[in-house]
All heavy atoms as atom14 arrays in JSON, in Angstrom:
{
  "sequence": "HVRTEKRPQDGYFFNFHYHLPEDDYQTHHTLGDVYWSKN",
  "atom14_mask": [
    [1, 1, 1, 1, 1, 1, 1, 1, 1, 1, 0, 0, 0, 0],
    [1, 1, 1, 1, 1, 1, 1, 0, 0, 0, 0, 0, 0, 0],
    [1, 1, 1, 1, 1, 1, 1, 1, 1, 1, 1, 0, 0, 0],
    [1, 1, 1, 1, 1, 1, 1, 0, 0, 0, 0, 0, 0, 0],
    [1, 1, 1, 1, 1, 1, 1, 1, 1, 0, 0, 0, 0, 0],
    [1, 1, 1, 1, 1, 1, 1, 1, 1, 0, 0, 0, 0, 0],
    [1, 1, 1, 1, 1, 1, 1, 1, 1, 1, 1, 0, 0, 0],
    [1, 1, 1, 1, 1, 1, 1, 0, 0, 0, 0, 0, 0, 0],
    [1, 1, 1, 1, 1, 1, 1, 1, 1, 0, 0, 0, 0, 0],
    [1, 1, 1, 1, 1, 1, 1, 1, 0, 0, 0, 0, 0, 0],
    [1, 1, 1, 1, 0, 0, 0, 0, 0, 0, 0, 0, 0, 0],
    [1, 1, 1, 1, 1, 1, 1, 1, 1, 1, 1, 1, 0, 0],
    [1, 1, 1, 1, 1, 1, 1, 1, 1, 1, 1, 0, 0, 0],
    [1, 1, 1, 1, 1, 1, 1, 1, 1, 1, 1, 0, 0, 0],
    [1, 1, 1, 1, 1, 1, 1, 1, 0, 0, 0, 0, 0, 0],
    [1, 1, 1, 1, 1, 1, 1, 1, 1, 1, 1, 0, 0, 0],
    [1, 1, 1, 1, 1, 1, 1, 1, 1, 1, 0, 0, 0, 0],
    [1, 1, 1, 1, 1, 1, 1, 1, 1, 1, 1, 1, 0, 0],
    [1, 1, 1, 1, 1, 1, 1, 1, 1, 1, 0, 0, 0, 0],
    [1, 1, 1, 1, 1, 1, 1, 1, 0, 0, 0, 0, 0, 0],
    [1, 1, 1, 1, 1, 1, 1, 0, 0, 0, 0, 0, 0, 0],
    [1, 1, 1, 1, 1, 1, 1, 1, 1, 0, 0, 0, 0, 0],
    [1, 1, 1, 1, 1, 1, 1, 1, 0, 0, 0, 0, 0, 0],
    [1, 1, 1, 1, 1, 1, 1, 1, 0, 0, 0, 0, 0, 0],
    [1, 1, 1, 1, 1, 1, 1, 1, 1, 1, 1, 1, 0, 0],
    [1, 1, 1, 1, 1, 1, 1, 1, 1, 0, 0, 0, 0, 0],
    [1, 1, 1, 1, 1, 1, 1, 0, 0, 0, 0, 0, 0, 0],
    [1, 1, 1, 1, 1, 1, 1, 1, 1, 1, 0, 0, 0, 0],
    [1, 1, 1, 1, 1, 1, 1, 1, 1, 1, 0, 0, 0, 0],
    [1, 1, 1, 1, 1, 1, 1, 0, 0, 0, 0, 0, 0, 0],
    [1, 1, 1, 1, 1, 1, 1, 1, 0, 0, 0, 0, 0, 0],
    [1, 1, 1, 1, 0, 0, 0, 0, 0, 0, 0, 0, 0, 0],
    [1, 1, 1, 1, 1, 1, 1, 1, 0, 0, 0, 0, 0, 0],
    [1, 1, 1, 1, 1, 1, 1, 0, 0, 0, 0, 0, 0, 0],
    [1, 1, 1, 1, 1, 1, 1, 1, 1, 1, 1, 1, 0, 0],
    [1, 1, 1, 1, 1, 1, 1, 1, 1, 1, 1, 1, 1, 1],
    [1, 1, 1, 1, 1, 1, 0, 0, 0, 0, 0, 0, 0, 0],
    [1, 1, 1, 1, 1, 1, 1, 1, 1, 0, 0, 0, 0, 0],
    [1, 1, 1, 1, 1, 1, 1, 1, 0, 0, 0, 0, 0, 0]
  ],
  "atom14_positions": [
    [[-1.24, 2.04, 5.06], [-0.95, 3.42, 5.47], [0.54, 3.54, 6.0], [1.12, 2.51, 6.41], [-1.88, 3.86, 6.6], [-3.29, 3.99, 6.15], [-4.3, 4.28, 7.0], [-3.87, 3.99, 4.82], [-5.46, 4.42, 6.29], [-5.22, 4.2, 5.08], [0.0, 0.0, 0.0], [0.0, 0.0, 0.0], [0.0, 0.0, 0.0], [0.0, 0.0, 0.0]],
    [[0.95, 4.77, 6.02], [2.25, 5.06, 6.71], [2.03, 6.32, 7.45], [1.44, 7.34, 6.96], [3.4, 5.21, 5.66], [3.24, 6.32, 4.65], [4.72, 5.49, 6.42], [0.0, 0.0, 0.0], [0.0, 0.0, 0.0], [0.0, 0.0, 0.0], [0.0, 0.0, 0.0], [0.0, 0.0, 0.0], [0.0, 0.0, 0.0], [0.0, 0.0, 0.0]],
    [[2.4, 6.35, 8.71], [2.21, 7.48, 9.61], [3.58, 8.03, 10.06], [4.43, 7.23, 10.37], [1.39, 7.06, 10.9], [1.2, 8.16, 11.87], [0.3, 7.67, 13.05], [0.95, 6.51, 13.67], [0.24, 5.47, 14.05], [-1.03, 5.36, 13.82], [0.93, 4.49, 14.68], [0.0, 0.0, 0.0], [0.0, 0.0, 0.0], [0.0, 0.0, 0.0]],
    [[3.74, 9.3, 10.04], [5.01, 9.95, 10.58], [4.81, 10.1, 12.06], [3.92, 10.78, 12.51], [5.23, 11.28, 9.83], [5.3, 11.08, 8.49], [6.56, 11.86, 10.31], [0.0, 0.0, 0.0], [0.0, 0.0, 0.0], [0.0, 0.0, 0.0], [0.0, 0.0, 0.0], [0.0, 0.0, 0.0], [0.0, 0.0, 0.0], [0.0, 0.0, 0.0]],
    [[5.8, 9.49, 12.82], [5.75, 9.69, 14.3], [6.97, 10.31, 14.77], [8.08, 10.1, 14.36], [5.66, 8.29, 14.93], [4.42, 7.56, 14.6], [4.44, 6.14, 15.3], [5.53, 5.66, 15.69], [3.32, 5.56, 15.44], [0.0, 0.0, 0.0], [0.0, 0.0, 0.0], [0.0, 0.0, 0.0], [0.0, 0.0, 0.0], [0.0, 0.0, 0.0]],
    [[6.85, 11.25, 15.71], [7.89, 11.99, 16.36], [8.09, 11.36, 17.76], [7.1, 11.51, 18.59], [7.7, 13.48, 16.41], [8.94, 14.21, 17.09], [8.74, 15.69, 17.15], [9.93, 16.29, 17.72], [9.8, 17.78, 17.85], [0.0, 0.0, 0.0], [0.0, 0.0, 0.0], [0.0, 0.0, 0.0], [0.0, 0.0, 0.0], [0.0, 0.0, 0.0]],
    [[9.19, 10.77, 17.92], [9.46, 10.18, 19.3], [10.5, 11.04, 20.03], [11.59, 11.23, 19.52], [10.01, 8.79, 19.15], [8.96, 7.89, 18.48], [9.41, 6.47, 18.23], [8.47, 5.71, 17.44], [8.79, 4.53, 16.81], [9.97, 4.03, 16.96], [7.88, 3.95, 16.11], [0.0, 0.0, 0.0], [0.0, 0.0, 0.0], [0.0, 0.0, 0.0]],
    [[10.16, 11.49, 21.26], [11.08, 12.3, 21.97], [12.49, 11.72, 22.07], [12.59, 10.51, 22.34], [10.44, 12.5, 23.34], [9.06, 12.1, 23.08], [8.99, 11.16, 22.04], [0.0, 0.0, 0.0], [0.0, 0.0, 0.0], [0.0, 0.0, 0.0], [0.0, 0.0, 0.0], [0.0, 0.0, 0.0], [0.0, 0.0, 0.0], [0.0, 0.0, 0.0]],
    [[13.56, 12.38, 21.94], [14.91, 12.04, 22.04], [15.37, 11.14, 20.91], [16.53, 10.97, 20.7], [15.14, 11.3, 23.35], [14.77, 12.06, 24.61], [15.47, 13.44, 24.7], [16.69, 13.44, 24.39], [14.81, 14.47, 25.13], [0.0, 0.0, 0.0], [0.0, 0.0, 0.0], [0.0, 0.0, 0.0], [0.0, 0.0, 0.0], [0.0, 0.0, 0.0]],
    [[14.46, 10.51, 20.11], [14.84, 9.55, 19.06], [14.74, 10.25, 17.7], [15.5, 9.9, 16.86], [13.95, 8.33, 19.14], [14.28, 7.45, 20.33], [15.38, 7.6, 20.86], [13.36, 6.75, 20.75], [0.0, 0.0, 0.0], [0.0, 0.0, 0.0], [0.0, 0.0, 0.0], [0.0, 0.0, 0.0], [0.0, 0.0, 0.0], [0.0, 0.0, 0.0]],
    [[13.73, 11.04, 17.48], [13.55, 11.67, 16.15], [12.27, 11.14, 15.5], [11.28, 10.68, 16.16], [0.0, 0.0, 0.0], [0.0, 0.0, 0.0], [0.0, 0.0, 0.0], [0.0, 0.0, 0.0], [0.0, 0.0, 0.0], [0.0, 0.0, 0.0], [0.0, 0.0, 0.0], [0.0, 0.0, 0.0], [0.0, 0.0, 0.0], [0.0, 0.0, 0.0]],
    [[12.28, 11.22, 14.17], [11.13, 10.84, 13.39], [11.2, 9.44, 12.76], [12.3, 8.98, 12.32], [10.93, 11.81, 12.23], [10.45, 13.2, 12.67], [11.41, 14.17, 13.03], [9.08, 13.47, 12.8], [10.96, 15.45, 13.39], [8.62, 14.73, 13.18], [9.6, 15.63, 13.5], [9.2, 16.96, 14.05], [0.0, 0.0, 0.0], [0.0, 0.0, 0.0]],
    [[10.13, 8.65, 12.86], [9.94, 7.4, 12.28], [8.77, 7.32, 11.39], [7.79, 8.04, 11.57], [9.76, 6.32, 13.32], [10.96, 6.1, 14.19], [11.36, 6.86, 15.23], [11.77, 4.95, 13.95], [12.53, 6.63, 15.99], [12.87, 4.66, 14.7], [13.26, 5.49, 15.7], [0.0, 0.0, 0.0], [0.0, 0.0, 0.0], [0.0, 0.0, 0.0]],
    [[8.83, 6.49, 10.35], [7.63, 6.21, 9.55], [7.15, 4.86, 9.97], [7.83, 3.79, 9.89], [8.09, 6.12, 8.03], [8.58, 7.43, 7.59], [9.84, 7.43, 6.86], [7.92, 8.6, 7.69], [10.36, 8.62, 6.36], [8.4, 9.78, 7.21], [9.69, 9.86, 6.53], [0.0, 0.0, 0.0], [0.0, 0.0, 0.0], [0.0, 0.0, 0.0]],
    [[5.89, 4.9, 10.42], [5.2, 3.62, 10.98], [4.35, 3.12, 9.81], [3.34, 3.71, 9.45], [4.36, 3.92, 12.17], [3.43, 2.76, 12.6], [2.29, 2.75, 12.29], [4.09, 1.78, 13.23], [0.0, 0.0, 0.0], [0.0, 0.0, 0.0], [0.0, 0.0, 0.0], [0.0, 0.0, 0.0], [0.0, 0.0, 0.0], [0.0, 0.0, 0.0]],
    [[4.57, 2.02, 9.27], [3.86, 1.36, 8.22], [2.84, 0.36, 8.81], [3.3, -0.51, 9.69], [4.81, 0.57, 7.28], [5.63, 1.5, 6.48], [6.93, 1.84, 6.92], [5.25, 1.87, 5.22], [7.68, 2.78, 6.22], [6.05, 2.74, 4.49], [7.24, 3.21, 4.92], [0.0, 0.0, 0.0], [0.0, 0.0, 0.0], [0.0, 0.0, 0.0]],
    [[1.64, 0.41, 8.5], [0.6, -0.49, 9.02], [-0.5, -0.65, 8.01], [-0.54, 0.0, 6.95], [0.02, 0.15, 10.31], [-0.52, 1.46, 10.15], [0.28, 2.6, 10.15], [-1.75, 1.94, 9.99], [-0.56, 3.7, 10.03], [-1.71, 3.32, 9.92], [0.0, 0.0, 0.0], [0.0, 0.0, 0.0], [0.0, 0.0, 0.0], [0.0, 0.0, 0.0]],
    [[-1.47, -1.52, 8.3], [-2.61, -1.75, 7.4], [-3.86, -1.94, 8.27], [-3.74, -2.15, 9.49], [-2.36, -2.96, 6.53], [-2.24, -4.29, 7.14], [-3.37, -5.12, 7.37], [-1.06, -4.8, 7.71], [-3.31, -6.39, 7.86], [-0.94, -5.99, 8.32], [-2.03, -6.79, 8.48], [-1.99, -8.08, 9.05], [0.0, 0.0, 0.0], [0.0, 0.0, 0.0]],
    [[-4.97, -1.76, 7.68], [-6.35, -1.86, 8.35], [-7.1, -2.97, 7.53], [-7.01, -3.07, 6.4], [-7.05, -0.56, 8.36], [-6.25, 0.56, 8.97], [-6.37, 0.84, 10.3], [-5.44, 1.53, 8.46], [-5.56, 1.76, 10.66], [-5.05, 2.35, 9.51], [0.0, 0.0, 0.0], [0.0, 0.0, 0.0], [0.0, 0.0, 0.0], [0.0, 0.0, 0.0]],
    [[-7.96, -3.56, 8.31], [-8.94, -4.62, 7.76], [-10.35, -4.23, 7.94], [-10.7, -3.52, 8.92], [-8.61, -5.95, 8.41], [-7.22, -6.56, 8.17], [-7.04, -7.7, 9.13], [-7.02, -6.94, 6.74], [0.0, 0.0, 0.0], [0.0, 0.0, 0.0], [0.0, 0.0, 0.0], [0.0, 0.0, 0.0], [0.0, 0.0, 0.0], [0.0, 0.0, 0.0]],
    [[-11.24, -4.7, 7.19], [-12.74, -4.41, 7.27], [-13.35, -5.11, 8.44], [-14.32, -4.58, 8.98], [-13.31, -4.89, 5.99], [-12.43, -5.78, 5.47], [-10.99, -5.51, 5.91], [0.0, 0.0, 0.0], [0.0, 0.0, 0.0], [0.0, 0.0, 0.0], [0.0, 0.0, 0.0], [0.0, 0.0, 0.0], [0.0, 0.0, 0.0], [0.0, 0.0, 0.0]],
    [[-12.72, -6.17, 8.95], [-13.36, -6.9, 10.05], [-13.65, -6.1, 11.36], [-14.54, -6.32, 12.05], [-12.43, -8.19, 10.43], [-12.48, -9.3, 9.44], [-11.59, -9.02, 8.19], [-10.51, -8.32, 8.39], [-11.84, -9.52, 7.2], [0.0, 0.0, 0.0], [0.0, 0.0, 0.0], [0.0, 0.0, 0.0], [0.0, 0.0, 0.0], [0.0, 0.0, 0.0]],
    [[-12.72, -5.16, 11.59], [-12.94, -4.25, 12.75], [-13.21, -2.87, 12.35], [-12.96, -1.9, 13.13], [-11.66, -4.34, 13.69], [-10.47, -3.84, 12.98], [-10.45, -3.43, 11.81], [-9.43, -3.63, 13.7], [0.0, 0.0, 0.0], [0.0, 0.0, 0.0], [0.0, 0.0, 0.0], [0.0, 0.0, 0.0], [0.0, 0.0, 0.0], [0.0, 0.0, 0.0]],
    [[-13.86, -2.69, 11.14], [-14.24, -1.36, 10.55], [-12.97, -0.49, 10.48], [-13.06, 0.68, 10.68], [-15.3, -0.78, 11.48], [-16.07, 0.26, 10.71], [-16.11, 0.13, 9.41], [-16.6, 1.19, 11.27], [0.0, 0.0, 0.0], [0.0, 0.0, 0.0], [0.0, 0.0, 0.0], [0.0, 0.0, 0.0], [0.0, 0.0, 0.0], [0.0, 0.0, 0.0]],
    [[-11.83, -1.14, 10.1], [-10.54, -0.36, 9.78], [-10.05, 0.39, 10.98], [-9.38, 1.41, 10.85], [-10.74, 0.54, 8.6], [-11.46, -0.06, 7.38], [-12.74, 0.19, 7.14], [-10.79, -0.96, 6.63], [-13.47, -0.32, 6.1], [-11.4, -1.62, 5.54], [-12.71, -1.28, 5.19], [-13.38, -1.83, 4.27], [0.0, 0.0, 0.0], [0.0, 0.0, 0.0]],
    [[-10.34, -0.04, 12.19], [-9.9, 0.74, 13.38], [-8.57, 0.27, 13.9], [-7.69, 1.18, 14.24], [-10.88, 0.56, 14.57], [-12.28, 1.11, 14.2], [-12.24, 2.6, 13.98], [-11.58, 3.39, 14.65], [-12.84, 3.0, 12.82], [0.0, 0.0, 0.0], [0.0, 0.0, 0.0], [0.0, 0.0, 0.0], [0.0, 0.0, 0.0], [0.0, 0.0, 0.0]],
    [[-8.19, -0.99, 13.84], [-6.88, -1.47, 14.47], [-5.76, -1.22, 13.53], [-5.92, -1.53, 12.27], [-7.02, -2.96, 14.79], [-8.19, -3.13, 15.67], [-5.81, -3.43, 15.43], [0.0, 0.0, 0.0], [0.0, 0.0, 0.0], [0.0, 0.0, 0.0], [0.0, 0.0, 0.0], [0.0, 0.0, 0.0], [0.0, 0.0, 0.0], [0.0, 0.0, 0.0]],
    [[-4.68, -0.76, 14.01], [-3.43, -0.67, 13.21], [-2.63, -2.04, 13.34], [-2.18, -2.41, 14.45], [-2.54, 0.48, 13.85], [-3.06, 1.86, 13.48], [-4.1, 2.41, 14.13], [-2.62, 2.76, 12.63], [-4.34, 3.64, 13.68], [-3.41, 3.92, 12.77], [0.0, 0.0, 0.0], [0.0, 0.0, 0.0], [0.0, 0.0, 0.0], [0.0, 0.0, 0.0]],
    [[-2.51, -2.65, 12.27], [-1.72, -3.92, 12.24], [-0.42, -3.46, 11.71], [-0.16, -3.24, 10.48], [-2.36, -4.93, 11.23], [-3.8, -5.3, 11.68], [-3.99, -6.31, 12.61], [-5.02, -4.83, 11.3], [-5.39, -6.4, 12.78], [-5.99, -5.48, 11.96], [0.0, 0.0, 0.0], [0.0, 0.0, 0.0], [0.0, 0.0, 0.0], [0.0, 0.0, 0.0]],
    [[0.58, -3.36, 12.61], [1.94, -2.74, 12.3], [2.79, -3.73, 11.47], [2.78, -4.87, 11.74], [2.55, -2.41, 13.64], [1.83, -1.55, 14.34], [3.97, -1.86, 13.38], [0.0, 0.0, 0.0], [0.0, 0.0, 0.0], [0.0, 0.0, 0.0], [0.0, 0.0, 0.0], [0.0, 0.0, 0.0], [0.0, 0.0, 0.0], [0.0, 0.0, 0.0]],
    [[3.34, -3.22, 10.44], [4.25, -3.84, 9.58], [5.71, -3.59, 10.0], [6.59, -4.43, 9.83], [4.07, -3.49, 8.15], [2.77, -3.83, 7.57], [2.48, -3.11, 6.21], [2.6, -5.33, 7.36], [0.0, 0.0, 0.0], [0.0, 0.0, 0.0], [0.0, 0.0, 0.0], [0.0, 0.0, 0.0], [0.0, 0.0, 0.0], [0.0, 0.0, 0.0]],
    [[5.98, -2.39, 10.51], [7.28, -2.06, 10.95], [7.5, -0.53, 10.88], [6.68, 0.22, 10.43], [0.0, 0.0, 0.0], [0.0, 0.0, 0.0], [0.0, 0.0, 0.0], [0.0, 0.0, 0.0], [0.0, 0.0, 0.0], [0.0, 0.0, 0.0], [0.0, 0.0, 0.0], [0.0, 0.0, 0.0], [0.0, 0.0, 0.0], [0.0, 0.0, 0.0]],
    [[8.69, -0.15, 11.36], [9.02, 1.3, 11.42], [10.37, 1.47, 10.71], [11.21, 0.61, 10.76], [9.21, 1.71, 12.93], [7.91, 1.69, 13.72], [6.83, 1.89, 13.07], [7.96, 1.42, 14.89], [0.0, 0.0, 0.0], [0.0, 0.0, 0.0], [0.0, 0.0, 0.0], [0.0, 0.0, 0.0], [0.0, 0.0, 0.0], [0.0, 0.0, 0.0]],
    [[10.44, 2.61, 10.04], [11.68, 3.06, 9.39], [12.11, 4.39, 9.95], [11.28, 5.29, 10.02], [11.49, 3.09, 7.88], [12.69, 3.63, 7.19], [11.11, 1.76, 7.28], [0.0, 0.0, 0.0], [0.0, 0.0, 0.0], [0.0, 0.0, 0.0], [0.0, 0.0, 0.0], [0.0, 0.0, 0.0], [0.0, 0.0, 0.0], [0.0, 0.0, 0.0]],
    [[13.31, 4.48, 10.41], [13.84, 5.69, 10.96], [14.17, 6.73, 9.91], [14.82, 6.4, 8.87], [15.12, 5.41, 11.84], [15.72, 6.63, 12.37], [15.14, 7.34, 13.44], [16.93, 7.15, 11.9], [15.71, 8.49, 14.03], [17.5, 8.29, 12.54], [16.91, 8.85, 13.58], [17.46, 10.04, 14.06], [0.0, 0.0, 0.0], [0.0, 0.0, 0.0]],
    [[13.74, 7.93, 10.18], [14.08, 9.04, 9.19], [15.27, 9.8, 9.73], [16.38, 9.66, 9.17], [12.86, 9.93, 9.05], [13.19, 11.24, 8.26], [13.33, 12.52, 8.73], [13.46, 11.37, 6.87], [13.68, 13.41, 7.79], [13.67, 12.68, 6.64], [13.42, 10.39, 5.81], [13.97, 13.11, 5.28], [13.71, 10.87, 4.55], [13.96, 12.15, 4.33]],
    [[15.09, 10.64, 10.73], [16.31, 11.39, 11.35], [15.6, 12.29, 12.43], [14.44, 12.18, 12.7], [17.0, 12.23, 10.37], [16.3, 13.46, 10.06], [0.0, 0.0, 0.0], [0.0, 0.0, 0.0], [0.0, 0.0, 0.0], [0.0, 0.0, 0.0], [0.0, 0.0, 0.0], [0.0, 0.0, 0.0], [0.0, 0.0, 0.0], [0.0, 0.0, 0.0]],
    [[16.42, 13.07, 13.11], [15.85, 14.02, 14.07], [15.19, 15.29, 13.51], [14.5, 16.01, 14.01], [16.89, 14.38, 15.03], [17.35, 13.25, 15.9], [18.15, 13.66, 17.22], [18.51, 12.5, 17.93], [18.62, 12.75, 19.33], [0.0, 0.0, 0.0], [0.0, 0.0, 0.0], [0.0, 0.0, 0.0], [0.0, 0.0, 0.0], [0.0, 0.0, 0.0]],
    [[15.48, 15.44, 12.13], [14.91, 16.57, 11.41], [13.49, 16.15, 10.84], [13.28, 15.01, 10.63], [15.83, 16.95, 10.25], [17.13, 17.36, 10.68], [17.36, 18.02, 11.72], [18.23, 17.05, 9.89], [0.0, 0.0, 0.0], [0.0, 0.0, 0.0], [0.0, 0.0, 0.0], [0.0, 0.0, 0.0], [0.0, 0.0, 0.0], [0.0, 0.0, 0.0]]
  ]
}
């Protein structure tokens, strides 16, 4: 998955993560963030 996050004062980031069946796909295993911009 990739989630769009708005961080105050920083702008928008794309948070890349994955889910596993072991925890019923609940935990976000983060792969990294990519900065978009303040728009």
